[in-house]
């Protein structure tokens, strides 16, 4: 079984690596391979009248051409699935999923594919396992989790920053100087370190469970 992941940034890539290592161990009797293509942000849907074939490095902008490309490439595999992982941000989840599915239909995607939406963003999947956070960061400030609603459209990475970054969110923003690079670096570190300890079966995030179950169903059927 081969999985081709399309993700919006490096931090999600790091988390995918950690998750897949766990699944490879769990299903050691299965032949599982995977590849992950990380973009430089989520971008947005291309507006009508604009060229579709101009690469931007942003996931949503470039998604039609990558869907078509992998539709051709993965059709030669015996068992393969295209898994697109992206943040919900402030979008209506139902409408967002419908837009994504419509894009697949419009581009005549025939291969097995699934859109896995992190609500509100990937850090929600980390916040879904407090034990994993504590294992990775023993000095975690757990009181901040009280301000978070699991998979809510609310502060998410900001809560995690207050929990584990030295000096909290304020210190991270000050160090970043208004640029995303430092924040992105911190997010990637969190995903890699916490991802090692994630309990895939007991994560409190419904959107994470949707993602994991989407993988397990395909692995078990292969």
N, C-alpha and C. Protein backbone atom coordinates (compact mmCIF):
# COMPACT_ATOMS: atom_id res chain seq x y z
N UNK A 1 0.85 -1.19 0.00
CA UNK A 1 0.00 0.00 0.00
C UNK A 1 0.89 1.24 0.00
N UNK A 2 0.65 2.12 -0.96
CA UNK A 2 1.44 3.34 -1.04
C UNK A 2 0.55 4.55 -0.77
N UNK A 3 1.05 5.45 0.07
CA UNK A 3 0.35 6.71 0.36
C UNK A 3 1.17 7.87 -0.19
N UNK A 4 0.52 8.71 -0.97
CA UNK A 4 1.14 9.96 -1.39
C UNK A 4 0.43 11.09 -0.65
N UNK A 5 1.17 11.79 0.20
CA UNK A 5 0.60 12.87 0.97
C UNK A 5 0.91 14.22 0.31
N UNK A 6 -0.07 15.09 0.32
CA UNK A 6 0.13 16.49 -0.03
C UNK A 6 -0.22 17.30 1.21
N UNK A 7 0.73 18.07 1.73
CA UNK A 7 0.50 18.81 2.97
C UNK A 7 0.93 20.26 2.77
N UNK A 8 0.42 21.14 3.62
CA UNK A 8 0.64 22.56 3.37
C UNK A 8 1.94 23.13 3.90
N UNK A 9 2.62 22.41 4.81
CA UNK A 9 3.86 22.98 5.33
C UNK A 9 4.75 21.90 5.95
N UNK A 10 5.93 22.34 6.38
CA UNK A 10 6.91 21.41 6.92
C UNK A 10 6.47 20.79 8.24
N UNK A 11 5.75 21.54 9.06
CA UNK A 11 5.34 21.00 10.36
C UNK A 11 4.39 19.82 10.18
N UNK A 12 3.48 19.92 9.22
CA UNK A 12 2.58 18.79 8.95
C UNK A 12 3.37 17.62 8.38
N UNK A 13 4.36 17.92 7.57
CA UNK A 13 5.23 16.87 7.04
C UNK A 13 5.90 16.10 8.17
N UNK A 14 6.40 16.83 9.17
CA UNK A 14 7.05 16.20 10.32
C UNK A 14 6.08 15.29 11.07
N UNK A 15 4.84 15.75 11.22
CA UNK A 15 3.85 14.95 11.93
C UNK A 15 3.48 13.70 11.13
N UNK A 16 3.34 13.84 9.82
CA UNK A 16 3.05 12.69 8.97
C UNK A 16 4.14 11.63 9.12
N UNK A 17 5.39 12.06 9.12
CA UNK A 17 6.50 11.12 9.29
C UNK A 17 6.36 10.34 10.59
N UNK A 18 6.05 11.04 11.67
CA UNK A 18 5.92 10.39 12.98
C UNK A 18 4.75 9.40 13.00
N UNK A 19 3.65 9.81 12.41
CA UNK A 19 2.46 8.94 12.36
C UNK A 19 2.73 7.70 11.53
N UNK A 20 3.35 7.88 10.39
CA UNK A 20 3.59 6.73 9.50
C UNK A 20 4.58 5.75 10.10
N UNK A 21 5.56 6.22 10.84
CA UNK A 21 6.49 5.31 11.52
C UNK A 21 5.72 4.41 12.49
N UNK A 22 4.75 4.99 13.19
CA UNK A 22 3.94 4.22 14.12
C UNK A 22 3.07 3.19 13.38
N UNK A 23 2.51 3.59 12.24
CA UNK A 23 1.67 2.67 11.47
C UNK A 23 2.49 1.56 10.82
N UNK A 24 3.70 1.89 10.40
CA UNK A 24 4.58 0.86 9.84
C UNK A 24 4.90 -0.21 10.89
N UNK A 25 5.06 0.21 12.14
CA UNK A 25 5.33 -0.74 13.22
C UNK A 25 4.07 -1.56 13.54
N UNK A 26 2.94 -0.89 13.57
CA UNK A 26 1.68 -1.56 13.92
C UNK A 26 1.31 -2.62 12.86
N UNK A 27 1.53 -2.27 11.61
CA UNK A 27 1.18 -3.17 10.51
C UNK A 27 2.45 -3.69 9.84
N UNK A 28 3.33 -4.26 10.65
CA UNK A 28 4.63 -4.71 10.15
C UNK A 28 4.50 -5.82 9.10
N UNK A 29 3.37 -6.53 9.12
CA UNK A 29 3.18 -7.61 8.15
C UNK A 29 2.76 -7.08 6.78
N UNK A 30 2.42 -5.81 6.72
CA UNK A 30 1.97 -5.19 5.47
C UNK A 30 3.14 -4.48 4.79
N UNK A 31 3.07 -4.40 3.48
CA UNK A 31 4.07 -3.63 2.74
C UNK A 31 3.51 -2.22 2.53
N UNK A 32 4.03 -1.27 3.29
CA UNK A 32 3.54 0.10 3.25
C UNK A 32 4.67 1.04 2.88
N UNK A 33 4.42 1.89 1.91
CA UNK A 33 5.37 2.93 1.53
C UNK A 33 4.63 4.27 1.52
N UNK A 34 5.39 5.35 1.64
CA UNK A 34 4.74 6.66 1.59
C UNK A 34 5.72 7.73 1.14
N UNK A 35 5.16 8.79 0.62
CA UNK A 35 5.93 9.96 0.22
C UNK A 35 5.12 11.19 0.59
N UNK A 36 5.80 12.26 0.94
CA UNK A 36 5.11 13.47 1.38
C UNK A 36 5.63 14.68 0.62
N UNK A 37 4.71 15.38 -0.03
CA UNK A 37 5.04 16.62 -0.72
C UNK A 37 4.53 17.78 0.12
N UNK A 38 5.46 18.60 0.64
CA UNK A 38 5.08 19.73 1.48
C UNK A 38 5.11 21.02 0.67
N UNK A 39 4.09 21.83 0.84
CA UNK A 39 4.00 23.12 0.16
C UNK A 39 4.44 24.24 1.12
N UNK A 40 4.44 25.44 0.62
CA UNK A 40 4.85 26.60 1.43
C UNK A 40 3.62 27.40 1.82
N UNK A 41 2.70 26.73 2.51
CA UNK A 41 1.48 27.38 2.95
C UNK A 41 0.27 26.87 2.20
N UNK A 42 -0.92 27.24 2.68
CA UNK A 42 -2.15 26.72 2.09
C UNK A 42 -2.61 27.51 0.88
N UNK A 43 -2.34 28.82 0.84
CA UNK A 43 -2.78 29.63 -0.29
C UNK A 43 -4.29 29.73 -0.34
N UNK A 44 -4.85 29.73 -1.54
CA UNK A 44 -6.30 29.85 -1.69
C UNK A 44 -6.74 29.28 -3.02
N UNK A 45 -8.04 29.06 -3.17
CA UNK A 45 -8.57 28.55 -4.43
C UNK A 45 -8.33 29.56 -5.54
N UNK A 46 -7.95 29.06 -6.71
CA UNK A 46 -7.70 29.93 -7.85
C UNK A 46 -9.03 30.49 -8.35
N UNK A 47 -9.06 31.80 -8.54
CA UNK A 47 -10.29 32.45 -9.00
C UNK A 47 -10.50 32.20 -10.48
N UNK A 48 -11.75 32.23 -10.89
CA UNK A 48 -12.08 32.02 -12.29
C UNK A 48 -11.39 33.08 -13.15
N UNK A 49 -10.92 32.64 -14.30
CA UNK A 49 -10.27 33.58 -15.22
C UNK A 49 -8.77 33.65 -15.06
N UNK A 50 -8.24 33.02 -14.00
CA UNK A 50 -6.79 33.03 -13.78
C UNK A 50 -6.20 31.69 -14.24
N UNK A 51 -4.95 31.69 -14.72
CA UNK A 51 -4.35 30.45 -15.22
C UNK A 51 -4.19 29.42 -14.11
N UNK A 52 -4.50 28.16 -14.45
CA UNK A 52 -4.42 27.09 -13.46
C UNK A 52 -3.03 26.46 -13.41
N UNK A 53 -2.23 26.65 -14.44
CA UNK A 53 -0.99 25.90 -14.55
C UNK A 53 0.24 26.65 -14.06
N UNK A 54 0.05 27.74 -13.35
CA UNK A 54 1.17 28.51 -12.83
C UNK A 54 1.45 28.10 -11.39
N UNK A 55 2.58 27.45 -11.16
CA UNK A 55 2.91 26.97 -9.82
C UNK A 55 3.23 28.13 -8.89
N UNK A 56 2.69 28.04 -7.69
CA UNK A 56 2.89 29.10 -6.70
C UNK A 56 3.60 28.59 -5.44
N UNK A 57 3.63 27.27 -5.27
CA UNK A 57 4.19 26.71 -4.04
C UNK A 57 3.18 26.62 -2.92
N UNK A 58 1.94 27.09 -3.19
CA UNK A 58 0.86 27.06 -2.20
C UNK A 58 -0.08 25.89 -2.53
N UNK A 59 -0.51 25.19 -1.50
CA UNK A 59 -1.26 23.94 -1.70
C UNK A 59 -2.55 24.13 -2.49
N UNK A 60 -3.44 25.02 -2.05
CA UNK A 60 -4.72 25.16 -2.74
C UNK A 60 -4.56 25.71 -4.15
N UNK A 61 -3.66 26.64 -4.33
CA UNK A 61 -3.43 27.21 -5.65
C UNK A 61 -2.97 26.15 -6.65
N UNK A 62 -2.07 25.28 -6.19
CA UNK A 62 -1.46 24.30 -7.08
C UNK A 62 -2.17 22.96 -7.09
N UNK A 63 -3.18 22.80 -6.25
CA UNK A 63 -3.80 21.49 -6.07
C UNK A 63 -4.36 20.88 -7.35
N UNK A 64 -5.05 21.63 -8.23
CA UNK A 64 -5.58 20.99 -9.44
C UNK A 64 -4.51 20.27 -10.26
N UNK A 65 -3.36 20.92 -10.46
CA UNK A 65 -2.33 20.29 -11.30
C UNK A 65 -1.70 19.09 -10.59
N UNK A 66 -1.58 19.15 -9.26
CA UNK A 66 -1.01 18.01 -8.54
C UNK A 66 -2.00 16.85 -8.48
N UNK A 67 -3.27 17.16 -8.38
CA UNK A 67 -4.28 16.10 -8.43
C UNK A 67 -4.20 15.35 -9.75
N UNK A 68 -4.13 16.09 -10.84
CA UNK A 68 -4.07 15.46 -12.16
C UNK A 68 -2.78 14.67 -12.34
N UNK A 69 -1.66 15.24 -11.86
CA UNK A 69 -0.37 14.56 -12.02
C UNK A 69 -0.34 13.24 -11.26
N UNK A 70 -0.82 13.25 -10.01
CA UNK A 70 -0.80 12.02 -9.23
C UNK A 70 -1.91 11.06 -9.64
N UNK A 71 -2.96 11.58 -10.25
CA UNK A 71 -3.98 10.70 -10.80
C UNK A 71 -3.37 9.80 -11.88
N UNK A 72 -2.46 10.37 -12.67
CA UNK A 72 -1.76 9.58 -13.69
C UNK A 72 -0.72 8.66 -13.05
N UNK A 73 0.12 9.23 -12.19
CA UNK A 73 1.23 8.46 -11.63
C UNK A 73 0.77 7.30 -10.76
N UNK A 74 -0.19 7.55 -9.86
CA UNK A 74 -0.61 6.51 -8.92
C UNK A 74 -1.49 5.44 -9.57
N UNK A 75 -1.97 5.71 -10.77
CA UNK A 75 -2.80 4.71 -11.46
C UNK A 75 -1.99 3.47 -11.83
N UNK A 76 -0.66 3.59 -11.84
CA UNK A 76 0.19 2.46 -12.17
C UNK A 76 0.50 1.59 -10.95
N UNK A 77 0.14 2.09 -9.76
CA UNK A 77 0.37 1.31 -8.53
C UNK A 77 -0.78 0.32 -8.34
N UNK A 78 -0.45 -0.83 -7.75
CA UNK A 78 -1.49 -1.82 -7.46
C UNK A 78 -2.44 -1.29 -6.39
N UNK A 79 -1.88 -0.75 -5.30
CA UNK A 79 -2.68 -0.17 -4.22
C UNK A 79 -2.05 1.17 -3.84
N UNK A 80 -2.77 2.24 -4.05
CA UNK A 80 -2.23 3.56 -3.73
C UNK A 80 -3.38 4.52 -3.41
N UNK A 81 -3.06 5.50 -2.58
CA UNK A 81 -4.06 6.52 -2.22
C UNK A 81 -3.38 7.87 -2.13
N UNK A 82 -4.08 8.88 -2.56
CA UNK A 82 -3.62 10.26 -2.45
C UNK A 82 -4.31 10.88 -1.25
N UNK A 83 -3.52 11.34 -0.28
CA UNK A 83 -4.07 11.89 0.96
C UNK A 83 -3.68 13.36 1.05
N UNK A 84 -4.67 14.23 1.02
CA UNK A 84 -4.42 15.66 1.09
C UNK A 84 -4.76 16.15 2.49
N UNK A 85 -3.75 16.66 3.20
CA UNK A 85 -3.92 17.11 4.58
C UNK A 85 -3.76 18.62 4.63
N UNK A 86 -4.76 19.29 5.14
CA UNK A 86 -4.72 20.75 5.17
C UNK A 86 -5.55 21.31 6.32
N UNK A 87 -5.22 22.54 6.70
CA UNK A 87 -5.89 23.18 7.82
C UNK A 87 -7.24 23.76 7.40
N UNK A 88 -8.16 23.73 8.33
CA UNK A 88 -9.46 24.34 8.12
C UNK A 88 -9.39 25.86 8.27
N UNK A 89 -8.53 26.31 9.19
CA UNK A 89 -8.44 27.72 9.56
C UNK A 89 -9.83 28.20 9.99
N UNK A 90 -10.36 29.24 9.39
CA UNK A 90 -11.67 29.76 9.82
C UNK A 90 -12.80 29.38 8.86
N UNK A 91 -12.53 28.46 7.97
CA UNK A 91 -13.53 28.07 6.98
C UNK A 91 -14.62 27.19 7.59
N UNK A 92 -15.78 27.20 6.97
CA UNK A 92 -16.84 26.25 7.30
C UNK A 92 -16.39 24.89 6.79
N UNK A 93 -16.27 23.91 7.68
CA UNK A 93 -15.67 22.63 7.31
C UNK A 93 -16.46 21.90 6.23
N UNK A 94 -17.76 21.87 6.35
CA UNK A 94 -18.61 21.18 5.38
C UNK A 94 -18.47 21.80 4.00
N UNK A 95 -18.52 23.11 3.93
CA UNK A 95 -18.40 23.81 2.67
C UNK A 95 -17.00 23.64 2.07
N UNK A 96 -15.99 23.68 2.93
CA UNK A 96 -14.61 23.52 2.48
C UNK A 96 -14.41 22.14 1.87
N UNK A 97 -14.92 21.11 2.54
CA UNK A 97 -14.78 19.75 2.02
C UNK A 97 -15.50 19.61 0.69
N UNK A 98 -16.65 20.25 0.56
CA UNK A 98 -17.42 20.20 -0.69
C UNK A 98 -16.62 20.86 -1.82
N UNK A 99 -15.97 21.98 -1.52
CA UNK A 99 -15.15 22.65 -2.53
C UNK A 99 -14.01 21.76 -2.99
N UNK A 100 -13.38 21.08 -2.04
CA UNK A 100 -12.27 20.19 -2.37
C UNK A 100 -12.74 19.00 -3.20
N UNK A 101 -13.86 18.41 -2.81
CA UNK A 101 -14.39 17.27 -3.56
C UNK A 101 -14.81 17.69 -4.97
N UNK A 102 -15.38 18.89 -5.09
CA UNK A 102 -15.77 19.39 -6.41
C UNK A 102 -14.55 19.59 -7.30
N UNK A 103 -13.44 20.02 -6.68
CA UNK A 103 -12.21 20.19 -7.45
C UNK A 103 -11.75 18.84 -8.01
N UNK A 104 -11.84 17.79 -7.18
CA UNK A 104 -11.45 16.45 -7.64
C UNK A 104 -12.35 15.98 -8.78
N UNK A 105 -13.64 16.26 -8.68
CA UNK A 105 -14.58 15.88 -9.73
C UNK A 105 -14.29 16.63 -11.02
N UNK A 106 -14.09 17.94 -10.91
CA UNK A 106 -13.82 18.78 -12.09
C UNK A 106 -12.55 18.35 -12.81
N UNK A 107 -11.59 17.82 -12.04
CA UNK A 107 -10.32 17.40 -12.64
C UNK A 107 -10.29 15.91 -12.96
N UNK A 108 -11.48 15.27 -12.85
CA UNK A 108 -11.66 13.87 -13.25
C UNK A 108 -10.68 12.92 -12.54
N UNK A 109 -10.58 13.09 -11.22
CA UNK A 109 -9.68 12.25 -10.43
C UNK A 109 -10.32 10.89 -10.17
N UNK A 110 -9.68 9.86 -10.67
CA UNK A 110 -10.21 8.50 -10.58
C UNK A 110 -9.57 7.67 -9.48
N UNK A 111 -8.36 8.01 -9.09
CA UNK A 111 -7.66 7.21 -8.08
C UNK A 111 -8.28 7.43 -6.69
N UNK A 112 -7.98 6.51 -5.80
CA UNK A 112 -8.43 6.63 -4.41
C UNK A 112 -7.81 7.88 -3.80
N UNK A 113 -8.64 8.73 -3.23
CA UNK A 113 -8.12 9.95 -2.62
C UNK A 113 -9.00 10.34 -1.43
N UNK A 114 -8.42 11.09 -0.50
CA UNK A 114 -9.18 11.54 0.66
C UNK A 114 -8.63 12.88 1.12
N UNK A 115 -9.54 13.77 1.49
CA UNK A 115 -9.16 15.08 2.04
C UNK A 115 -9.30 15.02 3.56
N UNK A 116 -8.21 15.22 4.26
CA UNK A 116 -8.21 15.19 5.72
C UNK A 116 -7.98 16.61 6.23
N UNK A 117 -8.99 17.15 6.87
CA UNK A 117 -8.97 18.55 7.29
C UNK A 117 -8.71 18.65 8.79
N UNK A 118 -7.62 19.31 9.15
CA UNK A 118 -7.32 19.55 10.57
C UNK A 118 -8.11 20.77 11.02
N UNK A 119 -8.89 20.61 12.08
CA UNK A 119 -9.77 21.69 12.55
C UNK A 119 -9.28 22.17 13.93
N UNK A 120 -8.92 23.37 14.04
CA UNK A 120 -8.79 24.46 13.08
C UNK A 120 -7.48 24.36 12.31
N UNK A 121 -6.48 23.74 12.92
CA UNK A 121 -5.18 23.59 12.27
C UNK A 121 -4.46 22.39 12.85
N UNK A 122 -3.32 22.04 12.25
CA UNK A 122 -2.63 20.81 12.62
C UNK A 122 -2.31 20.72 14.10
N UNK A 123 -2.02 21.84 14.75
CA UNK A 123 -1.68 21.80 16.17
C UNK A 123 -2.82 21.26 17.03
N UNK A 124 -4.04 21.26 16.49
CA UNK A 124 -5.18 20.65 17.19
C UNK A 124 -4.92 19.17 17.40
N UNK A 125 -4.23 18.55 16.46
CA UNK A 125 -3.93 17.12 16.56
C UNK A 125 -2.90 16.86 17.66
N UNK A 126 -2.04 17.82 17.91
CA UNK A 126 -1.09 17.70 19.01
C UNK A 126 -1.78 17.96 20.35
N UNK A 127 -2.65 18.96 20.37
CA UNK A 127 -3.37 19.29 21.60
C UNK A 127 -4.35 18.19 22.00
N UNK A 128 -4.65 17.29 21.07
CA UNK A 128 -5.54 16.17 21.36
C UNK A 128 -4.92 15.10 22.23
N UNK A 129 -3.62 15.21 22.50
CA UNK A 129 -2.94 14.20 23.32
C UNK A 129 -2.04 14.91 24.33
N UNK A 130 -2.62 15.27 25.47
CA UNK A 130 -1.87 15.99 26.50
C UNK A 130 -0.73 15.16 27.05
N UNK A 131 -0.91 13.84 27.12
CA UNK A 131 0.16 12.98 27.61
C UNK A 131 1.39 13.04 26.70
N UNK A 132 1.15 13.10 25.39
CA UNK A 132 2.25 13.18 24.44
C UNK A 132 2.98 14.51 24.58
N UNK A 133 2.22 15.57 24.78
CA UNK A 133 2.83 16.89 24.98
C UNK A 133 3.72 16.87 26.20
N UNK A 134 3.21 16.29 27.29
CA UNK A 134 3.97 16.26 28.54
C UNK A 134 5.21 15.38 28.42
N UNK A 135 5.10 14.30 27.64
CA UNK A 135 6.25 13.41 27.45
C UNK A 135 7.36 14.12 26.68
N UNK A 136 6.95 14.93 25.70
CA UNK A 136 7.93 15.65 24.89
C UNK A 136 8.47 16.89 25.61
N UNK A 137 7.59 17.51 26.40
CA UNK A 137 7.94 18.74 27.12
C UNK A 137 7.51 18.61 28.59
N UNK A 138 8.35 17.99 29.40
CA UNK A 138 7.98 17.74 30.81
C UNK A 138 7.62 18.99 31.60
N UNK A 139 8.11 20.15 31.18
CA UNK A 139 7.81 21.40 31.90
C UNK A 139 6.57 22.10 31.34
N UNK A 140 5.74 21.36 30.63
CA UNK A 140 4.54 21.93 30.00
C UNK A 140 3.68 22.68 31.03
N UNK A 141 3.16 23.82 30.62
CA UNK A 141 2.26 24.61 31.47
C UNK A 141 0.83 24.21 31.12
N UNK A 142 0.35 23.17 31.81
CA UNK A 142 -0.91 22.53 31.44
C UNK A 142 -2.15 23.40 31.66
N UNK A 143 -2.04 24.42 32.49
CA UNK A 143 -3.22 25.24 32.77
C UNK A 143 -3.75 25.92 31.51
N UNK A 144 -2.90 26.15 30.53
CA UNK A 144 -3.35 26.84 29.31
C UNK A 144 -4.32 26.01 28.48
N UNK A 145 -4.30 24.69 28.67
CA UNK A 145 -5.20 23.83 27.90
C UNK A 145 -6.66 24.13 28.23
N UNK A 146 -6.91 24.73 29.38
CA UNK A 146 -8.28 25.05 29.79
C UNK A 146 -8.92 26.08 28.87
N UNK A 147 -8.10 26.89 28.22
CA UNK A 147 -8.64 27.92 27.33
C UNK A 147 -8.91 27.40 25.93
N UNK A 148 -8.64 26.11 25.72
CA UNK A 148 -8.77 25.53 24.38
C UNK A 148 -9.97 24.61 24.28
N UNK A 149 -10.73 24.73 23.19
CA UNK A 149 -11.83 23.82 22.88
C UNK A 149 -11.37 22.92 21.75
N UNK A 150 -11.34 21.61 22.00
CA UNK A 150 -10.81 20.67 21.01
C UNK A 150 -11.50 20.80 19.67
N UNK A 151 -10.70 20.96 18.62
CA UNK A 151 -11.16 21.14 17.25
C UNK A 151 -12.10 22.34 17.10
N UNK A 152 -11.92 23.32 17.95
CA UNK A 152 -12.73 24.54 17.87
C UNK A 152 -12.09 25.55 16.94
N UNK A 153 -12.89 26.47 16.42
CA UNK A 153 -12.36 27.57 15.61
C UNK A 153 -11.93 28.65 16.59
N UNK A 154 -10.75 28.44 17.15
CA UNK A 154 -10.23 29.30 18.23
C UNK A 154 -8.71 29.26 18.19
N UNK A 155 -8.07 30.01 19.06
CA UNK A 155 -6.62 29.97 19.15
C UNK A 155 -6.17 28.52 19.36
N UNK A 156 -5.24 28.08 18.53
CA UNK A 156 -4.79 26.69 18.60
C UNK A 156 -3.27 26.62 18.76
N UNK A 157 -2.52 27.00 17.74
CA UNK A 157 -1.06 27.00 17.89
C UNK A 157 -0.64 27.97 18.97
N UNK A 158 -1.44 29.02 19.15
CA UNK A 158 -1.13 30.01 20.18
C UNK A 158 -1.21 29.39 21.57
N UNK A 159 -2.21 28.54 21.78
CA UNK A 159 -2.35 27.84 23.06
C UNK A 159 -1.15 26.91 23.29
N UNK A 160 -0.79 26.18 22.24
CA UNK A 160 0.34 25.27 22.36
C UNK A 160 1.63 26.04 22.66
N UNK A 161 1.79 27.19 22.04
CA UNK A 161 2.97 28.03 22.30
C UNK A 161 3.03 28.43 23.78
N UNK A 162 1.89 28.83 24.32
CA UNK A 162 1.85 29.21 25.74
C UNK A 162 2.16 28.03 26.65
N UNK A 163 1.86 26.84 26.19
CA UNK A 163 2.08 25.65 26.99
C UNK A 163 3.54 25.21 27.02
N UNK A 164 4.23 25.35 25.87
CA UNK A 164 5.54 24.69 25.79
C UNK A 164 6.70 25.58 25.35
N UNK A 165 6.41 26.73 24.75
CA UNK A 165 7.53 27.57 24.29
C UNK A 165 8.08 28.37 25.48
N UNK A 166 9.40 28.45 25.62
CA UNK A 166 9.98 29.23 26.73
C UNK A 166 9.51 30.69 26.69
N UNK A 167 8.82 31.11 27.71
CA UNK A 167 8.28 32.47 27.72
C UNK A 167 6.93 32.59 27.07
N UNK A 168 6.42 31.48 26.49
CA UNK A 168 5.08 31.46 25.93
C UNK A 168 4.94 32.18 24.59
N UNK A 169 3.70 32.43 24.23
CA UNK A 169 3.37 33.05 22.94
C UNK A 169 4.01 34.42 22.78
N UNK A 170 4.00 35.20 23.84
CA UNK A 170 4.56 36.55 23.77
C UNK A 170 6.04 36.50 23.40
N UNK A 171 6.77 35.59 24.00
CA UNK A 171 8.20 35.45 23.72
C UNK A 171 8.44 34.99 22.29
N UNK A 172 7.61 34.06 21.80
CA UNK A 172 7.77 33.56 20.44
C UNK A 172 7.50 34.66 19.42
N UNK A 173 6.44 35.42 19.64
CA UNK A 173 6.12 36.52 18.72
C UNK A 173 7.21 37.58 18.72
N UNK A 174 7.76 37.86 19.90
CA UNK A 174 8.83 38.85 20.00
C UNK A 174 10.08 38.37 19.26
N UNK A 175 10.40 37.09 19.42
CA UNK A 175 11.57 36.55 18.76
C UNK A 175 11.39 36.49 17.24
N UNK A 176 10.17 36.25 16.80
CA UNK A 176 9.91 36.16 15.37
C UNK A 176 10.01 37.52 14.68
N UNK A 177 9.82 38.59 15.45
CA UNK A 177 9.92 39.93 14.87
C UNK A 177 8.91 40.19 13.78
N UNK A 178 7.76 39.53 13.88
CA UNK A 178 6.72 39.73 12.88
C UNK A 178 6.85 38.85 11.64
N UNK A 179 7.93 38.08 11.56
CA UNK A 179 8.14 37.17 10.42
C UNK A 179 7.67 35.76 10.80
N UNK A 180 7.22 35.01 9.80
CA UNK A 180 6.68 33.68 10.09
C UNK A 180 7.78 32.63 10.27
N UNK A 181 8.98 32.89 9.79
CA UNK A 181 10.02 31.87 9.78
C UNK A 181 10.26 31.24 11.16
N UNK A 182 10.39 32.07 12.18
CA UNK A 182 10.65 31.56 13.52
C UNK A 182 9.47 30.77 14.07
N UNK A 183 8.26 31.24 13.79
CA UNK A 183 7.05 30.53 14.23
C UNK A 183 6.96 29.18 13.52
N UNK A 184 7.22 29.19 12.21
CA UNK A 184 7.19 27.94 11.45
C UNK A 184 8.22 26.95 11.94
N UNK A 185 9.38 27.44 12.31
CA UNK A 185 10.43 26.57 12.85
C UNK A 185 9.99 25.94 14.16
N UNK A 186 9.35 26.74 15.02
CA UNK A 186 8.85 26.22 16.30
C UNK A 186 7.77 25.17 16.08
N UNK A 187 6.86 25.43 15.15
CA UNK A 187 5.78 24.48 14.86
C UNK A 187 6.33 23.15 14.38
N UNK A 188 7.36 23.21 13.53
CA UNK A 188 7.97 21.98 13.02
C UNK A 188 8.61 21.18 14.15
N UNK A 189 9.26 21.90 15.07
CA UNK A 189 9.88 21.23 16.23
C UNK A 189 8.81 20.56 17.09
N UNK A 190 7.71 21.27 17.35
CA UNK A 190 6.64 20.70 18.17
C UNK A 190 6.09 19.44 17.53
N UNK A 191 5.83 19.50 16.22
CA UNK A 191 5.25 18.35 15.52
C UNK A 191 6.17 17.14 15.58
N UNK A 192 7.47 17.37 15.40
CA UNK A 192 8.43 16.26 15.41
C UNK A 192 8.56 15.66 16.81
N UNK A 193 8.68 16.51 17.82
CA UNK A 193 8.90 16.02 19.18
C UNK A 193 7.65 15.39 19.79
N UNK A 194 6.52 16.04 19.62
CA UNK A 194 5.27 15.50 20.21
C UNK A 194 4.80 14.30 19.40
N UNK A 195 5.01 14.36 18.08
CA UNK A 195 4.56 13.27 17.21
C UNK A 195 5.12 11.92 17.62
N UNK A 196 6.32 11.91 18.16
CA UNK A 196 6.95 10.65 18.61
C UNK A 196 6.11 9.95 19.67
N UNK A 197 5.43 10.73 20.50
CA UNK A 197 4.70 10.16 21.65
C UNK A 197 3.19 10.04 21.44
N UNK A 198 2.69 10.47 20.30
CA UNK A 198 1.24 10.43 20.08
C UNK A 198 0.68 9.02 20.20
N UNK A 199 -0.44 8.91 20.89
CA UNK A 199 -1.20 7.66 20.97
C UNK A 199 -2.28 7.76 19.90
N UNK A 200 -2.08 7.07 18.79
CA UNK A 200 -2.98 7.23 17.65
C UNK A 200 -4.42 6.85 17.95
N UNK A 201 -4.61 5.91 18.86
CA UNK A 201 -5.96 5.41 19.15
C UNK A 201 -6.71 6.26 20.16
N UNK A 202 -6.00 7.08 20.92
CA UNK A 202 -6.65 7.80 22.02
C UNK A 202 -6.52 9.32 21.93
N UNK A 203 -6.33 9.81 20.73
CA UNK A 203 -6.26 11.26 20.53
C UNK A 203 -7.67 11.85 20.62
N UNK A 204 -7.81 12.97 21.30
CA UNK A 204 -9.13 13.57 21.54
C UNK A 204 -9.64 14.40 20.37
N UNK A 205 -8.84 14.55 19.34
CA UNK A 205 -9.25 15.35 18.18
C UNK A 205 -10.05 14.52 17.18
N UNK A 206 -11.32 14.85 16.95
CA UNK A 206 -12.12 14.12 15.96
C UNK A 206 -11.52 14.19 14.56
N UNK A 207 -10.95 15.34 14.20
CA UNK A 207 -10.38 15.44 12.86
C UNK A 207 -9.11 14.59 12.72
N UNK A 208 -8.38 14.42 13.82
CA UNK A 208 -7.22 13.52 13.80
C UNK A 208 -7.68 12.08 13.65
N UNK A 209 -8.74 11.70 14.35
CA UNK A 209 -9.25 10.33 14.24
C UNK A 209 -9.77 10.05 12.83
N UNK A 210 -10.36 11.05 12.19
CA UNK A 210 -10.79 10.88 10.79
C UNK A 210 -9.58 10.58 9.92
N UNK A 211 -8.51 11.31 10.14
CA UNK A 211 -7.27 11.12 9.38
C UNK A 211 -6.70 9.72 9.60
N UNK A 212 -6.55 9.33 10.87
CA UNK A 212 -5.97 8.03 11.20
C UNK A 212 -6.84 6.90 10.66
N UNK A 213 -8.14 7.00 10.83
CA UNK A 213 -9.04 5.95 10.34
C UNK A 213 -9.00 5.84 8.81
N UNK A 214 -8.82 6.98 8.14
CA UNK A 214 -8.72 6.97 6.68
C UNK A 214 -7.50 6.16 6.23
N UNK A 215 -6.43 6.24 6.99
CA UNK A 215 -5.23 5.46 6.68
C UNK A 215 -5.41 3.98 7.05
N UNK A 216 -5.93 3.73 8.25
CA UNK A 216 -6.08 2.36 8.72
C UNK A 216 -7.01 1.54 7.82
N UNK A 217 -8.10 2.13 7.40
CA UNK A 217 -9.05 1.42 6.54
C UNK A 217 -8.36 0.94 5.26
N UNK A 218 -7.55 1.81 4.70
CA UNK A 218 -6.86 1.46 3.45
C UNK A 218 -5.76 0.44 3.66
N UNK A 219 -5.05 0.55 4.76
CA UNK A 219 -3.98 -0.41 5.06
C UNK A 219 -4.57 -1.80 5.29
N UNK A 220 -5.64 -1.86 6.07
CA UNK A 220 -6.25 -3.15 6.42
C UNK A 220 -6.91 -3.81 5.22
N UNK A 221 -7.33 -3.00 4.25
CA UNK A 221 -7.98 -3.56 3.06
C UNK A 221 -6.98 -3.99 2.00
N UNK A 222 -5.74 -3.55 2.15
CA UNK A 222 -4.71 -3.83 1.14
C UNK A 222 -4.27 -5.30 1.18
